[in-house]
Amino acid sequence: MASGIGFKGTNRCFPFWEDYQQCYFSSKDKTHSDCSPAREDYLECLHHFKEIARVRAIQTVERQNYAKNKANGTDHKIISLTGEKGS
């Protein structure tokens, strides 16, 4: 990562990068294993892997509840925050 300052100002993940970089250079361990939490925070900020996994898990449970309630004859609608119609 360069300076962290782009056309529209500071990158949203730059503070996480600074934390990771500070830990990395101050680490006494050659493997830098003590910096793995800071690294995970930075990568989560960039890619949202954990957030996406959680949303998918919630959607799976929601679909299961919808199918179960549809089979029982009760009304249950899937609510989508993205504007898509639930099935």
PDB file of N, CA and C in Angstrom:
ATOM      1  N   MET A   1       0.858  -1.170   0.000  1.00  0.00           N
ATOM      2  CA  MET A   1       0.000   0.000   0.000  1.00  0.00           C
ATOM      3  C   MET A   1       0.901   1.228   0.000  1.00  0.00           C
ATOM      4  N   ALA A   2       0.520   2.192  -0.755  1.00  0.00           N
ATOM      5  CA  ALA A   2       1.307   3.415  -0.854  1.00  0.00           C
ATOM      6  C   ALA A   2       1.002   4.319   0.333  1.00  0.00           C
ATOM      7  N   SER A   3       0.736   5.565   0.091  1.00  0.00           N
ATOM      8  CA  SER A   3       0.543   6.526   1.170  1.00  0.00           C
ATOM      9  C   SER A   3      -0.800   6.366   1.860  1.00  0.00           C
ATOM     10  N   GLY A   4      -1.779   5.754   1.176  1.00  0.00           N
ATOM     11  CA  GLY A   4      -3.103   5.616   1.757  1.00  0.00           C
ATOM     12  C   GLY A   4      -3.996   6.782   1.451  1.00  0.00           C
ATOM     13  N   ILE A   5      -3.467   7.767   0.777  1.00  0.00           N
ATOM     14  CA  ILE A   5      -4.258   8.942   0.424  1.00  0.00           C
ATOM     15  C   ILE A   5      -4.473   8.925  -1.078  1.00  0.00           C
ATOM     16  N   GLY A   6      -5.729   8.874  -1.472  1.00  0.00           N
ATOM     17  CA  GLY A   6      -6.065   8.830  -2.880  1.00  0.00           C
ATOM     18  C   GLY A   6      -6.748  10.101  -3.326  1.00  0.00           C
ATOM     19  N   PHE A   7      -7.407  10.001  -4.457  1.00  0.00           N
ATOM     20  CA  PHE A   7      -8.091  11.134  -5.062  1.00  0.00           C
ATOM     21  C   PHE A   7      -9.186  11.683  -4.158  1.00  0.00           C
ATOM     22  N   LYS A   8      -9.897  10.796  -3.474  1.00  0.00           N
ATOM     23  CA  LYS A   8     -11.017  11.214  -2.618  1.00  0.00           C
ATOM     24  C   LYS A   8     -10.644  11.234  -1.140  1.00  0.00           C
ATOM     25  N   GLY A   9      -9.394  11.259  -0.818  1.00  0.00           N
ATOM     26  CA  GLY A   9      -8.978  11.314   0.579  1.00  0.00           C
ATOM     27  C   GLY A   9      -8.359  10.011   1.035  1.00  0.00           C
ATOM     28  N   THR A  10      -8.378   9.794   2.332  1.00  0.00           N
ATOM     29  CA  THR A  10      -7.765   8.611   2.915  1.00  0.00           C
ATOM     30  C   THR A  10      -8.593   7.368   2.629  1.00  0.00           C
ATOM     31  N   ASN A  11      -7.934   6.297   2.291  1.00  0.00           N
ATOM     32  CA  ASN A  11      -8.570   5.016   2.049  1.00  0.00           C
ATOM     33  C   ASN A  11      -9.203   4.516   3.342  1.00  0.00           C
ATOM     34  N   ARG A  12     -10.348   3.861   3.251  1.00  0.00           N
ATOM     35  CA  ARG A  12     -11.056   3.409   4.451  1.00  0.00           C
ATOM     36  C   ARG A  12     -10.275   2.341   5.218  1.00  0.00           C
ATOM     37  N   CYS A  13      -9.410   1.596   4.537  1.00  0.00           N
ATOM     38  CA  CYS A  13      -8.654   0.526   5.179  1.00  0.00           C
ATOM     39  C   CYS A  13      -7.259   0.954   5.618  1.00  0.00           C
ATOM     40  N   PHE A  14      -6.898   2.179   5.352  1.00  0.00           N
ATOM     41  CA  PHE A  14      -5.555   2.636   5.671  1.00  0.00           C
ATOM     42  C   PHE A  14      -5.233   2.558   7.159  1.00  0.00           C
ATOM     43  N   PRO A  15      -6.153   2.882   8.077  1.00  0.00           N
ATOM     44  CA  PRO A  15      -5.827   2.725   9.511  1.00  0.00           C
ATOM     45  C   PRO A  15      -5.506   1.275   9.887  1.00  0.00           C
ATOM     46  N   PHE A  16      -6.204   0.316   9.261  1.00  0.00           N
ATOM     47  CA  PHE A  16      -5.905  -1.094   9.524  1.00  0.00           C
ATOM     48  C   PHE A  16      -4.526  -1.468   8.987  1.00  0.00           C
ATOM     49  N   TRP A  17      -4.185  -0.916   7.822  1.00  0.00           N
ATOM     50  CA  TRP A  17      -2.858  -1.155   7.250  1.00  0.00           C
ATOM     51  C   TRP A  17      -1.773  -0.591   8.159  1.00  0.00           C
ATOM     52  N   GLU A  18      -1.992   0.594   8.694  1.00  0.00           N
ATOM     53  CA  GLU A  18      -1.008   1.194   9.593  1.00  0.00           C
ATOM     54  C   GLU A  18      -0.808   0.346  10.841  1.00  0.00           C
ATOM     55  N   ASP A  19      -1.906  -0.166  11.398  1.00  0.00           N
ATOM     56  CA  ASP A  19      -1.804  -1.033  12.578  1.00  0.00           C
ATOM     57  C   ASP A  19      -1.001  -2.287  12.262  1.00  0.00           C
ATOM     58  N   TYR A  20      -1.304  -2.893  11.121  1.00  0.00           N
ATOM     59  CA  TYR A  20      -0.587  -4.105  10.719  1.00  0.00           C
ATOM     60  C   TYR A  20       0.893  -3.803  10.468  1.00  0.00           C
ATOM     61  N   GLN A  21       1.165  -2.727   9.786  1.00  0.00           N
ATOM     62  CA  GLN A  21       2.547  -2.355   9.482  1.00  0.00           C
ATOM     63  C   GLN A  21       3.339  -2.073  10.758  1.00  0.00           C
ATOM     64  N   GLN A  22       2.721  -1.384  11.688  1.00  0.00           N
ATOM     65  CA  GLN A  22       3.388  -1.077  12.958  1.00  0.00           C
ATOM     66  C   GLN A  22       3.700  -2.372  13.712  1.00  0.00           C
ATOM     67  N   CYS A  23       2.746  -3.285  13.743  1.00  0.00           N
ATOM     68  CA  CYS A  23       2.960  -4.567  14.419  1.00  0.00           C
ATOM     69  C   CYS A  23       4.060  -5.359  13.712  1.00  0.00           C
ATOM     70  N   TYR A  24       4.024  -5.372  12.388  1.00  0.00           N
ATOM     71  CA  TYR A  24       4.978  -6.145  11.602  1.00  0.00           C
ATOM     72  C   TYR A  24       6.419  -5.695  11.862  1.00  0.00           C
ATOM     73  N   PHE A  25       6.642  -4.393  11.866  1.00  0.00           N
ATOM     74  CA  PHE A  25       7.999  -3.897  12.032  1.00  0.00           C
ATOM     75  C   PHE A  25       8.469  -3.901  13.482  1.00  0.00           C
ATOM     76  N   SER A  26       7.540  -3.943  14.422  1.00  0.00           N
ATOM     77  CA  SER A  26       7.952  -3.992  15.820  1.00  0.00           C
ATOM     78  C   SER A  26       7.992  -5.418  16.369  1.00  0.00           C
ATOM     79  N   SER A  27       7.616  -6.391  15.553  1.00  0.00           N
ATOM     80  CA  SER A  27       7.564  -7.782  15.990  1.00  0.00           C
ATOM     81  C   SER A  27       8.966  -8.362  16.146  1.00  0.00           C
ATOM     82  N   LYS A  28       9.164  -9.077  17.222  1.00  0.00           N
ATOM     83  CA  LYS A  28      10.446  -9.746  17.456  1.00  0.00           C
ATOM     84  C   LYS A  28      10.468 -11.125  16.788  1.00  0.00           C
ATOM     85  N   ASP A  29       9.292 -11.678  16.551  1.00  0.00           N
ATOM     86  CA  ASP A  29       9.148 -12.996  15.940  1.00  0.00           C
ATOM     87  C   ASP A  29       9.399 -12.904  14.435  1.00  0.00           C
ATOM     88  N   LYS A  30      10.230 -13.783  13.897  1.00  0.00           N
ATOM     89  CA  LYS A  30      10.556 -13.735  12.467  1.00  0.00           C
ATOM     90  C   LYS A  30       9.360 -14.124  11.596  1.00  0.00           C
ATOM     91  N   THR A  31       8.423 -14.920  12.128  1.00  0.00           N
ATOM     92  CA  THR A  31       7.244 -15.326  11.349  1.00  0.00           C
ATOM     93  C   THR A  31       6.125 -14.297  11.443  1.00  0.00           C
ATOM     94  N   HIS A  32       6.241 -13.357  12.354  1.00  0.00           N
ATOM     95  CA  HIS A  32       5.247 -12.302  12.566  1.00  0.00           C
ATOM     96  C   HIS A  32       3.861 -12.870  12.872  1.00  0.00           C
ATOM     97  N   SER A  33       3.838 -14.015  13.558  1.00  0.00           N
ATOM     98  CA  SER A  33       2.569 -14.657  13.879  1.00  0.00           C
ATOM     99  C   SER A  33       1.756 -13.844  14.892  1.00  0.00           C
ATOM    100  N   ASP A  34       2.414 -13.010  15.670  1.00  0.00           N
ATOM    101  CA  ASP A  34       1.693 -12.183  16.629  1.00  0.00           C
ATOM    102  C   ASP A  34       0.905 -11.073  15.937  1.00  0.00           C
ATOM    103  N   CYS A  35       1.155 -10.853  14.658  1.00  0.00           N
ATOM    104  CA  CYS A  35       0.451  -9.805  13.904  1.00  0.00           C
ATOM    105  C   CYS A  35      -0.737 -10.345  13.115  1.00  0.00           C
ATOM    106  N   SER A  36      -1.058 -11.614  13.264  1.00  0.00           N
ATOM    107  CA  SER A  36      -2.141 -12.183  12.465  1.00  0.00           C
ATOM    108  C   SER A  36      -3.505 -11.519  12.732  1.00  0.00           C
ATOM    109  N   PRO A  37      -3.843 -11.109  13.966  1.00  0.00           N
ATOM    110  CA  PRO A  37      -5.130 -10.402  14.133  1.00  0.00           C
ATOM    111  C   PRO A  37      -5.187  -9.079  13.362  1.00  0.00           C
ATOM    112  N   ALA A  38      -4.094  -8.332  13.372  1.00  0.00           N
ATOM    113  CA  ALA A  38      -4.063  -7.068  12.629  1.00  0.00           C
ATOM    114  C   ALA A  38      -4.142  -7.322  11.132  1.00  0.00           C
ATOM    115  N   ARG A  39      -3.485  -8.381  10.671  1.00  0.00           N
ATOM    116  CA  ARG A  39      -3.533  -8.746   9.250  1.00  0.00           C
ATOM    117  C   ARG A  39      -4.944  -9.150   8.852  1.00  0.00           C
ATOM    118  N   GLU A  40      -5.615  -9.947   9.698  1.00  0.00           N
ATOM    119  CA  GLU A  40      -6.994 -10.363   9.419  1.00  0.00           C
ATOM    120  C   GLU A  40      -7.931  -9.159   9.354  1.00  0.00           C
ATOM    121  N   ASP A  41      -7.751  -8.214  10.254  1.00  0.00           N
ATOM    122  CA  ASP A  41      -8.577  -7.004  10.230  1.00  0.00           C
ATOM    123  C   ASP A  41      -8.399  -6.234   8.929  1.00  0.00           C
ATOM    124  N   TYR A  42      -7.155  -6.113   8.494  1.00  0.00           N
ATOM    125  CA  TYR A  42      -6.865  -5.390   7.249  1.00  0.00           C
ATOM    126  C   TYR A  42      -7.480  -6.110   6.046  1.00  0.00           C
ATOM    127  N   LEU A  43      -7.299  -7.421   5.977  1.00  0.00           N
ATOM    128  CA  LEU A  43      -7.853  -8.175   4.852  1.00  0.00           C
ATOM    129  C   LEU A  43      -9.376  -8.181   4.876  1.00  0.00           C
ATOM    130  N   GLU A  44      -9.976  -8.210   6.061  1.00  0.00           N
ATOM    131  CA  GLU A  44     -11.441  -8.138   6.155  1.00  0.00           C
ATOM    132  C   GLU A  44     -11.937  -6.792   5.662  1.00  0.00           C
ATOM    133  N   CYS A  45     -11.224  -5.740   5.986  1.00  0.00           N
ATOM    134  CA  CYS A  45     -11.601  -4.412   5.505  1.00  0.00           C
ATOM    135  C   CYS A  45     -11.537  -4.350   3.985  1.00  0.00           C
ATOM    136  N   LEU A  46     -10.534  -4.974   3.397  1.00  0.00           N
ATOM    137  CA  LEU A  46     -10.388  -4.954   1.942  1.00  0.00           C
ATOM    138  C   LEU A  46     -11.425  -5.812   1.224  1.00  0.00           C
ATOM    139  N   HIS A  47     -11.639  -7.042   1.717  1.00  0.00           N
ATOM    140  CA  HIS A  47     -12.387  -8.034   0.950  1.00  0.00           C
ATOM    141  C   HIS A  47     -13.721  -8.457   1.557  1.00  0.00           C
ATOM    142  N   HIS A  48     -13.943  -8.209   2.837  1.00  0.00           N
ATOM    143  CA  HIS A  48     -15.210  -8.528   3.520  1.00  0.00           C
ATOM    144  C   HIS A  48     -15.545 -10.018   3.502  1.00  0.00           C
ATOM    145  N   PHE A  49     -14.529 -10.882   3.606  1.00  0.00           N
ATOM    146  CA  PHE A  49     -14.769 -12.321   3.558  1.00  0.00           C
ATOM    147  C   PHE A  49     -15.699 -12.790   4.675  1.00  0.00           C
ATOM    148  N   LYS A  50     -15.449 -12.351   5.896  1.00  0.00           N
ATOM    149  CA  LYS A  50     -16.259 -12.785   7.036  1.00  0.00           C
ATOM    150  C   LYS A  50     -17.676 -12.233   6.945  1.00  0.00           C
ATOM    151  N   GLU A  51     -17.803 -10.989   6.520  1.00  0.00           N
ATOM    152  CA  GLU A  51     -19.121 -10.383   6.378  1.00  0.00           C
ATOM    153  C   GLU A  51     -19.946 -11.125   5.332  1.00  0.00           C
ATOM    154  N   ILE A  52     -19.345 -11.443   4.204  1.00  0.00           N
ATOM    155  CA  ILE A  52     -20.042 -12.152   3.136  1.00  0.00           C
ATOM    156  C   ILE A  52     -20.462 -13.538   3.600  1.00  0.00           C
ATOM    157  N   ALA A  53     -19.582 -14.237   4.314  1.00  0.00           N
ATOM    158  CA  ALA A  53     -19.909 -15.565   4.829  1.00  0.00           C
ATOM    159  C   ALA A  53     -21.085 -15.497   5.802  1.00  0.00           C
ATOM    160  N   ARG A  54     -21.105 -14.478   6.647  1.00  0.00           N
ATOM    161  CA  ARG A  54     -22.207 -14.338   7.606  1.00  0.00           C
ATOM    162  C   ARG A  54     -23.527 -14.036   6.896  1.00  0.00           C
ATOM    163  N   VAL A  55     -23.493 -13.169   5.904  1.00  0.00           N
ATOM    164  CA  VAL A  55     -24.706 -12.847   5.146  1.00  0.00           C
ATOM    165  C   VAL A  55     -25.228 -14.091   4.438  1.00  0.00           C
ATOM    166  N   ARG A  56     -24.337 -14.877   3.853  1.00  0.00           N
ATOM    167  CA  ARG A  56     -24.767 -16.109   3.174  1.00  0.00           C
ATOM    168  C   ARG A  56     -25.375 -17.099   4.154  1.00  0.00           C
ATOM    169  N   ALA A  57     -24.804 -17.210   5.347  1.00  0.00           N
ATOM    170  CA  ALA A  57     -25.363 -18.114   6.360  1.00  0.00           C
ATOM    171  C   ALA A  57     -26.755 -17.657   6.782  1.00  0.00           C
ATOM    172  N   ILE A  58     -26.931 -16.357   6.954  1.00  0.00           N
ATOM    173  CA  ILE A  58     -28.243 -15.816   7.331  1.00  0.00           C
ATOM    174  C   ILE A  58     -29.245 -16.060   6.213  1.00  0.00           C
ATOM    175  N   GLN A  59     -28.841 -15.855   4.962  1.00  0.00           N
ATOM    176  CA  GLN A  59     -29.739 -16.081   3.835  1.00  0.00           C
ATOM    177  C   GLN A  59     -30.130 -17.548   3.722  1.00  0.00           C
ATOM    178  N   THR A  60     -29.208 -18.450   4.009  1.00  0.00           N
ATOM    179  CA  THR A  60     -29.514 -19.883   3.966  1.00  0.00           C
ATOM    180  C   THR A  60     -30.577 -20.239   4.994  1.00  0.00           C
ATOM    181  N   VAL A  61     -30.417 -19.745   6.205  1.00  0.00           N
ATOM    182  CA  VAL A  61     -31.406 -20.011   7.258  1.00  0.00           C
ATOM    183  C   VAL A  61     -32.748 -19.381   6.884  1.00  0.00           C
ATOM    184  N   GLU A  62     -32.712 -18.200   6.313  1.00  0.00           N
ATOM    185  CA  GLU A  62     -33.939 -17.526   5.897  1.00  0.00           C
ATOM    186  C   GLU A  62     -34.671 -18.353   4.838  1.00  0.00           C
ATOM    187  N   ARG A  63     -33.937 -18.877   3.879  1.00  0.00           N
ATOM    188  CA  ARG A  63     -34.565 -19.706   2.835  1.00  0.00           C
ATOM    189  C   ARG A  63     -35.122 -21.001   3.408  1.00  0.00           C
ATOM    190  N   GLN A  64     -34.408 -21.593   4.363  1.00  0.00           N
ATOM    191  CA  GLN A  64     -34.901 -22.808   5.008  1.00  0.00           C
ATOM    192  C   GLN A  64     -36.192 -22.523   5.778  1.00  0.00           C
ATOM    193  N   ASN A  65     -36.222 -21.412   6.502  1.00  0.00           N
ATOM    194  CA  ASN A  65     -37.436 -21.039   7.231  1.00  0.00           C
ATOM    195  C   ASN A  65     -38.593 -20.781   6.274  1.00  0.00           C
ATOM    196  N   TYR A  66     -38.304 -20.150   5.136  1.00  0.00           N
ATOM    197  CA  TYR A  66     -39.336 -19.884   4.136  1.00  0.00           C
ATOM    198  C   TYR A  66     -39.901 -21.191   3.598  1.00  0.00           C
ATOM    199  N   ALA A  67     -39.024 -22.136   3.248  1.00  0.00           N
ATOM    200  CA  ALA A  67     -39.483 -23.421   2.709  1.00  0.00           C
ATOM    201  C   ALA A  67     -40.282 -24.196   3.755  1.00  0.00           C
ATOM    202  N   LYS A  68     -39.827 -24.168   5.003  1.00  0.00           N
ATOM    203  CA  LYS A  68     -40.525 -24.888   6.071  1.00  0.00           C
ATOM    204  C   LYS A  68     -41.908 -24.282   6.311  1.00  0.00           C
ATOM    205  N   ASN A  69     -41.972 -22.960   6.380  1.00  0.00           N
ATOM    206  CA  ASN A  69     -43.257 -22.305   6.618  1.00  0.00           C
ATOM    207  C   ASN A  69     -44.194 -22.441   5.429  1.00  0.00           C
ATOM    208  N   LYS A  70     -43.651 -22.463   4.222  1.00  0.00           N
ATOM    209  CA  LYS A  70     -44.487 -22.658   3.034  1.00  0.00           C
ATOM    210  C   LYS A  70     -45.084 -24.059   3.042  1.00  0.00           C
ATOM    211  N   ALA A  71     -44.300 -25.045   3.473  1.00  0.00           N
ATOM    212  CA  ALA A  71     -44.791 -26.412   3.552  1.00  0.00           C
ATOM    213  C   ALA A  71     -45.872 -26.545   4.627  1.00  0.00           C
ATOM    214  N   ASN A  72     -45.769 -25.758   5.700  1.00  0.00           N
ATOM    215  CA  ASN A  72     -46.763 -25.795   6.779  1.00  0.00           C
ATOM    216  C   ASN A  72     -47.992 -24.952   6.473  1.00  0.00           C
ATOM    217  N   GLY A  73     -47.922 -24.148   5.432  1.00  0.00           N
ATOM    218  CA  GLY A  73     -49.064 -23.318   5.057  1.00  0.00           C
ATOM    219  C   GLY A  73     -49.094 -21.967   5.744  1.00  0.00           C
ATOM    220  N   THR A  74     -48.054 -21.597   6.470  1.00  0.00           N
ATOM    221  CA  THR A  74     -48.012 -20.281   7.109  1.00  0.00           C
ATOM    222  C   THR A  74     -47.361 -19.281   6.175  1.00  0.00           C
ATOM    223  N   ASP A  75     -47.661 -18.016   6.385  1.00  0.00           N
ATOM    224  CA  ASP A  75     -47.126 -16.964   5.534  1.00  0.00           C
ATOM    225  C   ASP A  75     -45.800 -16.480   6.086  1.00  0.00           C
ATOM    226  N   HIS A  76     -44.764 -16.585   5.278  1.00  0.00           N
ATOM    227  CA  HIS A  76     -43.436 -16.114   5.659  1.00  0.00           C
ATOM    228  C   HIS A  76     -42.789 -15.549   4.412  1.00  0.00           C
ATOM    229  N   LYS A  77     -42.420 -14.295   4.458  1.00  0.00           N
ATOM    230  CA  LYS A  77     -41.824 -13.657   3.284  1.00  0.00           C
ATOM    231  C   LYS A  77     -40.348 -13.408   3.526  1.00  0.00           C
ATOM    232  N   ILE A  78     -39.584 -13.592   2.478  1.00  0.00           N
ATOM    233  CA  ILE A  78     -38.164 -13.275   2.538  1.00  0.00           C
ATOM    234  C   ILE A  78     -38.011 -11.795   2.255  1.00  0.00           C
ATOM    235  N   ILE A  79     -37.343 -11.103   3.160  1.00  0.00           N
ATOM    236  CA  ILE A  79     -37.117  -9.660   2.995  1.00  0.00           C
ATOM    237  C   ILE A  79     -35.690  -9.471   2.520  1.00  0.00           C
ATOM    238  N   SER A  80     -35.552  -8.754   1.424  1.00  0.00           N
ATOM    239  CA  SER A  80     -34.242  -8.481   0.871  1.00  0.00           C
ATOM    240  C   SER A  80     -33.931  -7.015   1.035  1.00  0.00           C
ATOM    241  N   LEU A  81     -32.753  -6.712   1.527  1.00  0.00           N
ATOM    242  CA  LEU A  81     -32.340  -5.329   1.689  1.00  0.00           C
ATOM    243  C   LEU A  81     -31.746  -4.751   0.411  1.00  0.00           C
ATOM    244  N   THR A  82     -31.517  -5.626  -0.582  1.00  0.00           N
ATOM    245  CA  THR A  82     -30.909  -5.157  -1.828  1.00  0.00           C
ATOM    246  C   THR A  82     -31.956  -4.731  -2.835  1.00  0.00           C
ATOM    247  N   GLY A  83     -33.236  -4.867  -2.514  1.00  0.00           N
ATOM    248  CA  GLY A  83     -34.292  -4.456  -3.431  1.00  0.00           C
ATOM    249  C   GLY A  83     -34.812  -5.577  -4.302  1.00  0.00           C
ATOM    250  N   GLU A  84     -34.218  -6.780  -4.177  1.00  0.00           N
ATOM    251  CA  GLU A  84     -34.703  -7.904  -4.952  1.00  0.00           C
ATOM    252  C   GLU A  84     -35.980  -8.444  -4.325  1.00  0.00           C
ATOM    253  N   LYS A  85     -36.821  -9.026  -5.152  1.00  0.00           N
ATOM    254  CA  LYS A  85     -38.048  -9.639  -4.659  1.00  0.00           C
ATOM    255  C   LYS A  85     -37.715 -11.002  -4.076  1.00  0.00           C
ATOM    256  N   GLY A  86     -38.258 -11.316  -2.914  1.00  0.00           N
ATOM    257  CA  GLY A  86     -38.061 -12.629  -2.307  1.00  0.00           C
ATOM    258  C   GLY A  86     -38.876 -13.659  -3.024  1.00  0.00           C
ATOM    259  N   SER A  87     -38.383 -14.894  -3.049  1.00  0.00           N
ATOM    260  CA  SER A  87     -39.101 -15.951  -3.757  1.00  0.00           C
ATOM    261  C   SER A  87     -39.849 -16.848  -2.806  1.00  0.00           C
TER     262      SER A  87
END
